[in-house]
């Protein structure tokens, strides 16, 4: 009887984890950007409607994630090279405080604006799991490319995706 109770307890715990992982969306190439609004560290507000006005990039990250640490400098170069061409870029943390991000930004000399999100509400409109996540979107809000940590996107990967859309 104890074994049966133990098995039931384990299955109950595991089913809770499965439900937690399944929370949220799982957007694919061809889907439209979901409704969202975030406040960036510079005080500006970024919405899905604004991003739909031009080619845009959304990256979800956490500064303790080694793959994100590798991708963020590539995003800085993308930011430096493409913002002047009208590409809009929104970097959004997944469950990370502003203080933690500021420290990392200073350490790595990053200059891009970001939105610190203390939860996963915005992230879960896009994905269930895995960071970094980089969405490259065409004008109108259709997702054209999605990059994750398998493999980590390089500057060349992201810039090539942008070039495919804007040229």
C-alpha atoms as a PDB file:
ATOM      1  CA  UNK A   1       0.000   0.000   0.000  1.00  0.00           C
ATOM      2  CA  UNK A   2       2.884   2.358   0.763  1.00  0.00           C
ATOM      3  CA  UNK A   3       4.360   1.743  -2.679  1.00  0.00           C
ATOM      4  CA  UNK A   4       1.081   2.582  -4.365  1.00  0.00           C
ATOM      5  CA  UNK A   5       0.804   5.776  -2.296  1.00  0.00           C
ATOM      6  CA  UNK A   6       4.394   6.708  -3.154  1.00  0.00           C
ATOM      7  CA  UNK A   7       3.778   6.121  -6.881  1.00  0.00           C
ATOM      8  CA  UNK A   8       0.616   8.239  -6.778  1.00  0.00           C
ATOM      9  CA  UNK A   9       2.479  11.022  -4.948  1.00  0.00           C
ATOM     10  CA  UNK A  10       5.310  10.996  -7.513  1.00  0.00           C
ATOM     11  CA  UNK A  11       2.880  11.025 -10.443  1.00  0.00           C
ATOM     12  CA  UNK A  12       0.992  13.940  -8.897  1.00  0.00           C
ATOM     13  CA  UNK A  13       4.211  15.920  -8.495  1.00  0.00           C
ATOM     14  CA  UNK A  14       5.355  15.133 -12.031  1.00  0.00           C
ATOM     15  CA  UNK A  15       2.022  16.084 -13.549  1.00  0.00           C
ATOM     16  CA  UNK A  16       2.330  19.467 -11.839  1.00  0.00           C
ATOM     17  CA  UNK A  17       5.724  20.025 -13.503  1.00  0.00           C
ATOM     18  CA  UNK A  18       4.364  18.991 -16.883  1.00  0.00           C
ATOM     19  CA  UNK A  19       1.486  21.431 -16.593  1.00  0.00           C
ATOM     20  CA  UNK A  20       3.896  24.174 -15.586  1.00  0.00           C
ATOM     21  CA  UNK A  21       6.106  23.565 -18.619  1.00  0.00           C
ATOM     22  CA  UNK A  22       3.102  23.528 -20.913  1.00  0.00           C
ATOM     23  CA  UNK A  23       1.882  26.929 -19.771  1.00  0.00           C
ATOM     24  CA  UNK A  24       2.225  29.586 -22.412  1.00  0.00           C
ATOM     25  CA  UNK A  25       2.345  29.733 -26.173  1.00  0.00           C
ATOM     26  CA  UNK A  26       4.703  28.115 -28.600  1.00  0.00           C
ATOM     27  CA  UNK A  27       4.850  30.514 -31.548  1.00  0.00           C
ATOM     28  CA  UNK A  28       6.203  29.320 -34.880  1.00  0.00           C
ATOM     29  CA  UNK A  29       7.456  30.942 -38.060  1.00  0.00           C
ATOM     30  CA  UNK A  30       4.412  32.382 -39.841  1.00  0.00           C
ATOM     31  CA  UNK A  31       2.565  33.283 -36.630  1.00  0.00           C
ATOM     32  CA  UNK A  32       1.771  36.898 -35.762  1.00  0.00           C
ATOM     33  CA  UNK A  33       3.198  38.739 -32.783  1.00  0.00           C
ATOM     34  CA  UNK A  34       0.931  38.471 -29.745  1.00  0.00           C
ATOM     35  CA  UNK A  35      -0.398  41.534 -27.928  1.00  0.00           C
ATOM     36  CA  UNK A  36       2.064  42.841 -25.361  1.00  0.00           C
ATOM     37  CA  UNK A  37       3.475  46.004 -23.856  1.00  0.00           C
ATOM     38  CA  UNK A  38       6.730  46.496 -21.962  1.00  0.00           C
ATOM     39  CA  UNK A  39       8.542  49.448 -20.445  1.00  0.00           C
ATOM     40  CA  UNK A  40      12.195  49.699 -21.382  1.00  0.00           C
ATOM     41  CA  UNK A  41      14.933  50.741 -18.963  1.00  0.00           C
ATOM     42  CA  UNK A  42      15.120  54.148 -20.708  1.00  0.00           C
ATOM     43  CA  UNK A  43      11.425  54.749 -19.922  1.00  0.00           C
ATOM     44  CA  UNK A  44      10.061  54.196 -23.418  1.00  0.00           C
ATOM     45  CA  UNK A  45       7.115  51.892 -23.918  1.00  0.00           C
ATOM     46  CA  UNK A  46       7.305  49.196 -26.598  1.00  0.00           C
ATOM     47  CA  UNK A  47       4.183  47.455 -27.852  1.00  0.00           C
ATOM     48  CA  UNK A  48       3.482  44.792 -30.430  1.00  0.00           C
ATOM     49  CA  UNK A  49       1.664  47.446 -32.476  1.00  0.00           C
ATOM     50  CA  UNK A  50       4.793  49.606 -32.637  1.00  0.00           C
ATOM     51  CA  UNK A  51       6.936  46.642 -33.641  1.00  0.00           C
ATOM     52  CA  UNK A  52       4.500  45.787 -36.437  1.00  0.00           C
ATOM     53  CA  UNK A  53       5.260  49.142 -38.087  1.00  0.00           C
ATOM     54  CA  UNK A  54       8.658  47.936 -39.326  1.00  0.00           C
ATOM     55  CA  UNK A  55      11.021  44.980 -39.366  1.00  0.00           C
ATOM     56  CA  UNK A  56      11.602  44.073 -35.727  1.00  0.00           C
ATOM     57  CA  UNK A  57      13.540  41.784 -33.449  1.00  0.00           C
ATOM     58  CA  UNK A  58      12.486  40.534 -30.045  1.00  0.00           C
ATOM     59  CA  UNK A  59      14.951  38.712 -27.837  1.00  0.00           C
ATOM     60  CA  UNK A  60      14.108  37.004 -24.545  1.00  0.00           C
ATOM     61  CA  UNK A  61      17.066  36.488 -22.236  1.00  0.00           C
ATOM     62  CA  UNK A  62      18.324  36.003 -18.684  1.00  0.00           C
ATOM     63  CA  UNK A  63      21.811  37.228 -17.848  1.00  0.00           C
ATOM     64  CA  UNK A  64      22.705  34.085 -15.863  1.00  0.00           C
ATOM     65  CA  UNK A  65      22.075  31.933 -18.956  1.00  0.00           C
ATOM     66  CA  UNK A  66      25.410  31.051 -20.642  1.00  0.00           C
ATOM     67  CA  UNK A  67      23.774  30.906 -24.081  1.00  0.00           C
ATOM     68  CA  UNK A  68      22.222  34.342 -23.540  1.00  0.00           C
ATOM     69  CA  UNK A  69      25.588  35.672 -22.397  1.00  0.00           C
ATOM     70  CA  UNK A  70      27.012  34.482 -25.705  1.00  0.00           C
ATOM     71  CA  UNK A  71      24.160  35.923 -27.803  1.00  0.00           C
ATOM     72  CA  UNK A  72      23.781  39.363 -26.175  1.00  0.00           C
ATOM     73  CA  UNK A  73      27.028  40.810 -27.618  1.00  0.00           C
ATOM     74  CA  UNK A  74      25.830  39.716 -31.083  1.00  0.00           C
ATOM     75  CA  UNK A  75      22.582  41.550 -30.399  1.00  0.00           C
ATOM     76  CA  UNK A  76      24.529  44.680 -29.462  1.00  0.00           C
ATOM     77  CA  UNK A  77      26.217  44.582 -32.879  1.00  0.00           C
ATOM     78  CA  UNK A  78      22.835  43.981 -34.565  1.00  0.00           C
ATOM     79  CA  UNK A  79      21.456  46.941 -32.614  1.00  0.00           C
ATOM     80  CA  UNK A  80      24.408  49.134 -33.626  1.00  0.00           C
ATOM     81  CA  UNK A  81      24.121  48.160 -37.295  1.00  0.00           C
ATOM     82  CA  UNK A  82      20.354  48.061 -37.860  1.00  0.00           C
ATOM     83  CA  UNK A  83      18.537  50.525 -35.597  1.00  0.00           C
ATOM     84  CA  UNK A  84      19.632  53.369 -37.894  1.00  0.00           C
ATOM     85  CA  UNK A  85      17.998  51.450 -40.779  1.00  0.00           C
ATOM     86  CA  UNK A  86      14.655  51.464 -38.988  1.00  0.00           C
ATOM     87  CA  UNK A  87      14.762  47.967 -37.495  1.00  0.00           C
ATOM     88  CA  UNK A  88      13.132  48.006 -34.065  1.00  0.00           C
ATOM     89  CA  UNK A  89      14.687  45.864 -31.364  1.00  0.00           C
ATOM     90  CA  UNK A  90      13.187  44.853 -28.021  1.00  0.00           C
ATOM     91  CA  UNK A  91      15.255  42.904 -25.511  1.00  0.00           C
ATOM     92  CA  UNK A  92      13.009  41.474 -22.802  1.00  0.00           C
ATOM     93  CA  UNK A  93      14.182  39.588 -19.746  1.00  0.00           C
ATOM     94  CA  UNK A  94      12.543  36.394 -18.627  1.00  0.00           C
ATOM     95  CA  UNK A  95      11.993  36.558 -14.879  1.00  0.00           C
ATOM     96  CA  UNK A  96      14.926  38.835 -13.991  1.00  0.00           C
ATOM     97  CA  UNK A  97      15.244  42.067 -12.029  1.00  0.00           C
ATOM     98  CA  UNK A  98      16.474  45.370 -13.386  1.00  0.00           C
ATOM     99  CA  UNK A  99      19.355  45.445 -10.875  1.00  0.00           C
ATOM    100  CA  UNK A 100      20.712  42.131 -12.081  1.00  0.00           C
ATOM    101  CA  UNK A 101      20.482  43.185 -15.722  1.00  0.00           C
ATOM    102  CA  UNK A 102      22.070  46.603 -15.091  1.00  0.00           C
ATOM    103  CA  UNK A 103      25.053  44.959 -13.473  1.00  0.00           C
ATOM    104  CA  UNK A 104      25.551  42.634 -16.450  1.00  0.00           C
ATOM    105  CA  UNK A 105      25.024  45.465 -18.967  1.00  0.00           C
ATOM    106  CA  UNK A 106      27.721  47.540 -17.255  1.00  0.00           C
ATOM    107  CA  UNK A 107      30.137  44.624 -17.006  1.00  0.00           C
ATOM    108  CA  UNK A 108      29.755  43.806 -20.723  1.00  0.00           C
ATOM    109  CA  UNK A 109      29.502  47.464 -21.910  1.00  0.00           C
ATOM    110  CA  UNK A 110      26.101  46.858 -23.515  1.00  0.00           C
ATOM    111  CA  UNK A 111      24.175  49.971 -24.575  1.00  0.00           C
ATOM    112  CA  UNK A 112      20.880  48.544 -25.882  1.00  0.00           C
ATOM    113  CA  UNK A 113      17.652  49.344 -24.063  1.00  0.00           C
ATOM    114  CA  UNK A 114      16.016  46.388 -22.337  1.00  0.00           C
ATOM    115  CA  UNK A 115      12.849  45.597 -20.444  1.00  0.00           C
ATOM    116  CA  UNK A 116      13.252  43.903 -17.088  1.00  0.00           C
ATOM    117  CA  UNK A 117      10.370  41.534 -16.393  1.00  0.00           C
ATOM    118  CA  UNK A 118      10.159  40.044 -12.908  1.00  0.00           C
ATOM    119  CA  UNK A 119       7.924  37.244 -14.176  1.00  0.00           C
ATOM    120  CA  UNK A 120       7.260  35.223 -17.321  1.00  0.00           C
ATOM    121  CA  UNK A 121       3.964  36.774 -18.411  1.00  0.00           C
ATOM    122  CA  UNK A 122       5.266  38.358 -21.615  1.00  0.00           C
ATOM    123  CA  UNK A 123       7.612  35.464 -22.365  1.00  0.00           C
ATOM    124  CA  UNK A 124       4.777  32.938 -22.067  1.00  0.00           C
ATOM    125  CA  UNK A 125       2.888  34.724 -24.851  1.00  0.00           C
ATOM    126  CA  UNK A 126       5.737  33.585 -27.116  1.00  0.00           C
ATOM    127  CA  UNK A 127       7.176  30.355 -25.738  1.00  0.00           C
ATOM    128  CA  UNK A 128       7.005  27.662 -23.111  1.00  0.00           C
ATOM    129  CA  UNK A 129      10.709  27.159 -22.508  1.00  0.00           C
ATOM    130  CA  UNK A 130      14.259  27.821 -23.746  1.00  0.00           C
ATOM    131  CA  UNK A 131      16.273  30.976 -23.892  1.00  0.00           C
ATOM    132  CA  UNK A 132      17.730  32.784 -25.614  1.00  0.00           C
ATOM    133  CA  UNK A 133      14.869  33.253 -28.031  1.00  0.00           C
ATOM    134  CA  UNK A 134      15.259  35.665 -30.904  1.00  0.00           C
ATOM    135  CA  UNK A 135      12.279  36.464 -33.142  1.00  0.00           C
ATOM    136  CA  UNK A 136      12.924  38.309 -36.410  1.00  0.00           C
ATOM    137  CA  UNK A 137       9.659  39.744 -37.700  1.00  0.00           C
ATOM    138  CA  UNK A 138       8.595  41.395 -40.914  1.00  0.00           C
ATOM    139  CA  UNK A 139       6.591  44.609 -41.117  1.00  0.00           C
ATOM    140  CA  UNK A 140       3.032  43.725 -40.157  1.00  0.00           C
ATOM    141  CA  UNK A 141       4.143  41.430 -37.331  1.00  0.00           C
ATOM    142  CA  UNK A 142       4.624  38.065 -39.016  1.00  0.00           C
ATOM    143  CA  UNK A 143       7.417  36.043 -37.427  1.00  0.00           C
ATOM    144  CA  UNK A 144       9.889  35.106 -40.175  1.00  0.00           C
ATOM    145  CA  UNK A 145      12.780  33.598 -38.182  1.00  0.00           C
ATOM    146  CA  UNK A 146      13.158  32.133 -34.699  1.00  0.00           C
ATOM    147  CA  UNK A 147      16.542  31.439 -33.148  1.00  0.00           C
ATOM    148  CA  UNK A 148      17.072  29.543 -29.896  1.00  0.00           C
ATOM    149  CA  UNK A 149      20.009  27.942 -28.144  1.00  0.00           C
ATOM    150  CA  UNK A 150      20.207  25.056 -30.605  1.00  0.00           C
ATOM    151  CA  UNK A 151      22.520  26.383 -31.959  1.00  0.00           C
ATOM    152  CA  UNK A 152      23.081  29.840 -30.510  1.00  0.00           C
ATOM    153  CA  UNK A 153      22.545  32.500 -33.164  1.00  0.00           C
ATOM    154  CA  UNK A 154      25.575  34.409 -34.357  1.00  0.00           C
ATOM    155  CA  UNK A 155      25.629  37.991 -35.579  1.00  0.00           C
ATOM    156  CA  UNK A 156      25.750  36.597 -39.116  1.00  0.00           C
ATOM    157  CA  UNK A 157      22.651  34.445 -38.545  1.00  0.00           C
ATOM    158  CA  UNK A 158      20.588  37.358 -37.246  1.00  0.00           C
ATOM    159  CA  UNK A 159      21.855  39.926 -39.766  1.00  0.00           C
ATOM    160  CA  UNK A 160      21.257  37.483 -42.634  1.00  0.00           C
ATOM    161  CA  UNK A 161      17.660  37.028 -41.464  1.00  0.00           C
ATOM    162  CA  UNK A 162      17.183  40.794 -41.336  1.00  0.00           C
ATOM    163  CA  UNK A 163      18.727  41.227 -44.774  1.00  0.00           C
ATOM    164  CA  UNK A 164      16.397  38.573 -46.219  1.00  0.00           C
ATOM    165  CA  UNK A 165      13.461  40.693 -45.066  1.00  0.00           C
ATOM    166  CA  UNK A 166      14.600  44.261 -45.732  1.00  0.00           C
ATOM    167  CA  UNK A 167      16.356  43.843 -49.085  1.00  0.00           C
END
